[in-house]
Amino acid sequence: MKPPQTFEEQTECIVESLLLEFLSLPVKAQSRCLQRQSLQSQSLQNDSTDSGEPSSFDVTIIAARLRMLGDQINVEMEESVEKVMKEAATGQVVTVLQNTLKSLSQTWCAQDPNLAYERAFLAMTVKLLKAVSKKNPQTARQLAGPVRDAINGNSAVREYIMNQGGWENVEGGDEPVPH
């Protein structure tokens, strides 16, 4: 089995890993993305991509970096969490989620002009998924797809990640995020 190679496949694995951690599920036992990665590592002594380059995509490390980024944000987001949860229950969450993430990210960037919108967006995404997971695990499970789509569908965030050299190079804690 190959590790996730497309940006979309990688994003899906990262969101899945974060969700499983936030829901306190045993990640190794539950994550099909991690199982796929583990199987490949066992079957190939030299874990490499099709181009022969070593693969540095490690969903556990990337998820940890994103958690560190999300943990830097310490803002009151109860209203946003409630709004997203309400829309998840009606099946209309995608637009509300994207608008909420965009709005909060822009607000934080306005407070700190040195903060990249894309980092704020990723941090807010992680923080929101974590908050919903604590309040309502079932709703958090329903958000996994829309969260993945919000990241994949945001061209600025996608370009930012690609300009970093891909998910493998997105750092979690080196740039200050407003509190």
Protein backbone atom coordinates (compact mmCIF):
# COMPACT_ATOMS: atom_id res chain seq x y z
CA MET A 1 0.00 0.00 0.00
CA LYS A 2 1.25 3.47 -0.84
CA PRO A 3 1.29 6.36 1.61
CA PRO A 4 -1.11 9.19 0.79
CA GLN A 5 0.40 11.05 -2.14
CA THR A 6 -2.05 13.73 -3.17
CA PHE A 7 -2.61 16.82 -1.13
CA GLU A 8 -6.23 15.76 -0.60
CA GLU A 9 -5.26 12.28 0.65
CA GLN A 10 -2.70 13.78 3.02
CA THR A 11 -5.22 16.30 4.35
CA GLU A 12 -7.74 13.51 4.95
CA CYS A 13 -5.18 11.52 6.96
CA ILE A 14 -4.16 14.55 9.01
CA VAL A 15 -7.77 15.50 9.86
CA GLU A 16 -8.51 11.87 10.72
CA SER A 17 -5.48 11.68 13.02
CA LEU A 18 -6.44 14.90 14.81
CA LEU A 19 -10.04 13.79 15.24
CA LEU A 20 -9.05 10.40 16.64
CA GLU A 21 -6.74 12.07 19.13
CA PHE A 22 -9.34 14.64 20.19
CA LEU A 23 -11.88 11.87 20.68
CA SER A 24 -9.30 9.94 22.74
CA LEU A 25 -9.43 6.92 20.46
CA PRO A 26 -6.39 4.72 20.02
CA VAL A 27 -4.97 6.26 16.86
CA LYS A 28 -2.92 3.27 15.73
CA ALA A 29 -5.88 0.91 16.10
CA GLN A 30 -8.45 3.15 14.45
CA SER A 31 -6.78 5.16 11.70
CA ARG A 32 -6.80 3.56 8.28
CA CYS A 33 -4.39 6.25 7.11
CA LEU A 34 -1.92 5.35 9.83
CA GLN A 35 -2.42 1.65 9.13
CA ARG A 36 -1.63 2.30 5.47
CA GLN A 37 1.51 4.23 6.45
CA SER A 38 2.59 1.53 8.91
CA LEU A 39 2.07 -1.26 6.37
CA GLN A 40 4.19 0.50 3.84
CA SER A 41 6.97 1.15 6.35
CA GLN A 42 6.98 -2.57 7.23
CA SER A 43 6.98 -3.74 3.63
CA LEU A 44 9.62 -1.30 2.39
CA GLN A 45 12.95 -1.01 4.09
CA ASN A 46 13.60 2.18 2.16
CA ASP A 47 10.40 4.21 2.50
CA SER A 48 10.48 6.25 -0.69
CA THR A 49 8.15 7.92 -3.11
CA ASP A 50 7.76 6.84 -6.73
CA SER A 51 10.52 9.29 -7.64
CA GLY A 52 12.97 7.49 -5.35
CA GLU A 53 12.99 10.34 -2.84
CA PRO A 54 12.60 9.39 0.82
CA SER A 55 9.06 10.00 2.02
CA SER A 56 8.85 12.47 4.87
CA PHE A 57 5.07 12.40 5.19
CA ASP A 58 4.41 11.30 8.76
CA VAL A 59 0.82 12.02 9.74
CA THR A 60 1.61 11.76 13.46
CA ILE A 61 4.30 14.44 13.30
CA ILE A 62 2.21 16.71 11.09
CA ALA A 63 -0.85 16.39 13.35
CA ALA A 64 1.34 17.19 16.38
CA ARG A 65 2.62 20.34 14.67
CA LEU A 66 -0.92 21.43 13.85
CA ARG A 67 -2.01 20.77 17.45
CA MET A 68 0.84 22.99 18.66
CA LEU A 69 -0.33 25.69 16.27
CA GLY A 70 -3.93 25.36 17.43
CA ASP A 71 -2.92 25.35 21.09
CA GLN A 72 -1.36 28.78 20.67
CA ILE A 73 -4.80 30.28 20.17
CA ASN A 74 -6.51 30.94 23.43
CA VAL A 75 -9.62 32.89 22.47
CA GLU A 76 -13.23 32.58 23.45
CA MET A 77 -14.86 30.71 20.60
CA GLU A 78 -17.95 29.30 22.25
CA GLU A 79 -20.32 31.16 19.92
CA SER A 80 -18.52 29.90 16.81
CA VAL A 81 -18.46 26.32 18.11
CA GLU A 82 -22.18 26.41 18.87
CA LYS A 83 -22.96 27.85 15.44
CA VAL A 84 -20.95 25.17 13.64
CA MET A 85 -22.46 22.39 15.78
CA LYS A 86 -25.99 23.64 15.09
CA GLU A 87 -25.35 23.66 11.35
CA ALA A 88 -23.75 20.21 11.47
CA ALA A 89 -27.01 18.90 12.91
CA THR A 90 -28.94 20.32 9.95
CA GLY A 91 -26.42 19.17 7.36
CA GLN A 92 -25.59 22.74 6.32
CA VAL A 93 -22.20 22.93 7.97
CA VAL A 94 -19.85 23.40 5.01
CA THR A 95 -20.59 27.05 4.25
CA VAL A 96 -20.90 28.03 7.91
CA LEU A 97 -17.63 26.28 8.75
CA GLN A 98 -15.75 27.95 5.90
CA ASN A 99 -17.18 31.38 6.71
CA THR A 100 -16.46 30.97 10.44
CA LEU A 101 -12.88 29.91 9.84
CA LYS A 102 -12.31 32.71 7.35
CA SER A 103 -13.85 35.37 9.59
CA LEU A 104 -11.98 34.37 12.74
CA SER A 105 -8.70 34.02 10.86
CA GLN A 106 -9.07 37.48 9.33
CA THR A 107 -9.93 38.96 12.73
CA TRP A 108 -6.79 37.50 14.29
CA CYS A 109 -4.65 38.69 11.38
CA ALA A 110 -6.03 42.22 11.78
CA GLN A 111 -4.84 42.14 15.41
CA ASP A 112 -1.35 41.03 14.39
CA PRO A 113 -0.19 42.08 10.90
CA ASN A 114 2.79 39.70 11.20
CA LEU A 115 0.48 36.69 11.39
CA ALA A 116 -0.10 34.88 8.13
CA TYR A 117 -3.79 34.34 7.38
CA GLU A 118 -3.08 30.76 6.36
CA ARG A 119 -1.46 29.89 9.70
CA ALA A 120 -4.37 31.49 11.53
CA PHE A 121 -6.79 29.48 9.38
CA LEU A 122 -5.03 26.19 10.16
CA ALA A 123 -4.82 27.04 13.86
CA MET A 124 -8.50 27.96 14.00
CA THR A 125 -9.44 24.78 12.16
CA VAL A 126 -7.59 22.62 14.70
CA LYS A 127 -8.95 24.60 17.66
CA LEU A 128 -12.53 24.37 16.38
CA LEU A 129 -12.32 20.62 15.73
CA LYS A 130 -10.87 20.11 19.21
CA ALA A 131 -13.59 22.21 20.88
CA VAL A 132 -16.40 20.40 19.04
CA SER A 133 -14.81 17.03 19.89
CA LYS A 134 -14.97 17.87 23.58
CA LYS A 135 -18.58 19.07 23.42
CA ASN A 136 -20.07 16.48 21.09
CA PRO A 137 -17.97 13.61 19.67
CA GLN A 138 -20.67 12.58 17.18
CA THR A 139 -20.81 16.07 15.70
CA ALA A 140 -17.01 16.13 15.55
CA ARG A 141 -17.09 12.94 13.47
CA GLN A 142 -19.55 14.64 11.10
CA LEU A 143 -17.15 17.59 10.79
CA ALA A 144 -14.18 15.55 9.59
CA GLY A 145 -15.20 15.73 5.92
CA PRO A 146 -16.17 19.42 5.96
CA VAL A 147 -12.93 20.31 7.80
CA ARG A 148 -10.92 18.40 5.20
CA ASP A 149 -12.87 20.15 2.44
CA ALA A 150 -12.39 23.57 4.07
CA ILE A 151 -8.62 23.08 3.99
CA ASN A 152 -8.51 21.53 0.53
CA GLY A 153 -10.91 24.14 -0.89
CA ASN A 154 -9.08 27.19 0.46
CA SER A 155 -6.65 28.05 -2.32
CA ALA A 156 -4.63 30.45 -0.14
CA VAL A 157 -4.15 27.81 2.57
CA ARG A 158 -3.37 25.12 0.04
CA GLU A 159 -0.82 27.37 -1.70
CA TYR A 160 0.74 28.28 1.65
CA ILE A 161 1.18 24.60 2.54
CA MET A 162 2.60 23.80 -0.89
CA ASN A 163 4.99 26.78 -0.69
CA GLN A 164 6.25 25.39 2.62
CA GLY A 165 7.20 22.23 0.73
CA GLY A 166 4.00 20.34 1.61
CA TRP A 167 2.42 19.20 4.84
CA GLU A 168 5.74 17.74 5.98
CA ASN A 169 7.21 21.23 6.41
CA VAL A 170 4.34 23.07 8.07
CA GLU A 171 5.57 24.07 11.49
CA GLY A 172 3.41 24.27 14.57
CA GLY A 173 4.97 26.67 16.98
CA ASP A 174 7.56 29.05 15.60
CA GLU A 175 5.37 32.05 14.78
CA PRO A 176 3.36 33.86 17.46
CA VAL A 177 -0.40 33.58 17.23
CA PRO A 178 -2.60 36.11 19.06
CA HIS A 179 -4.25 35.01 22.29
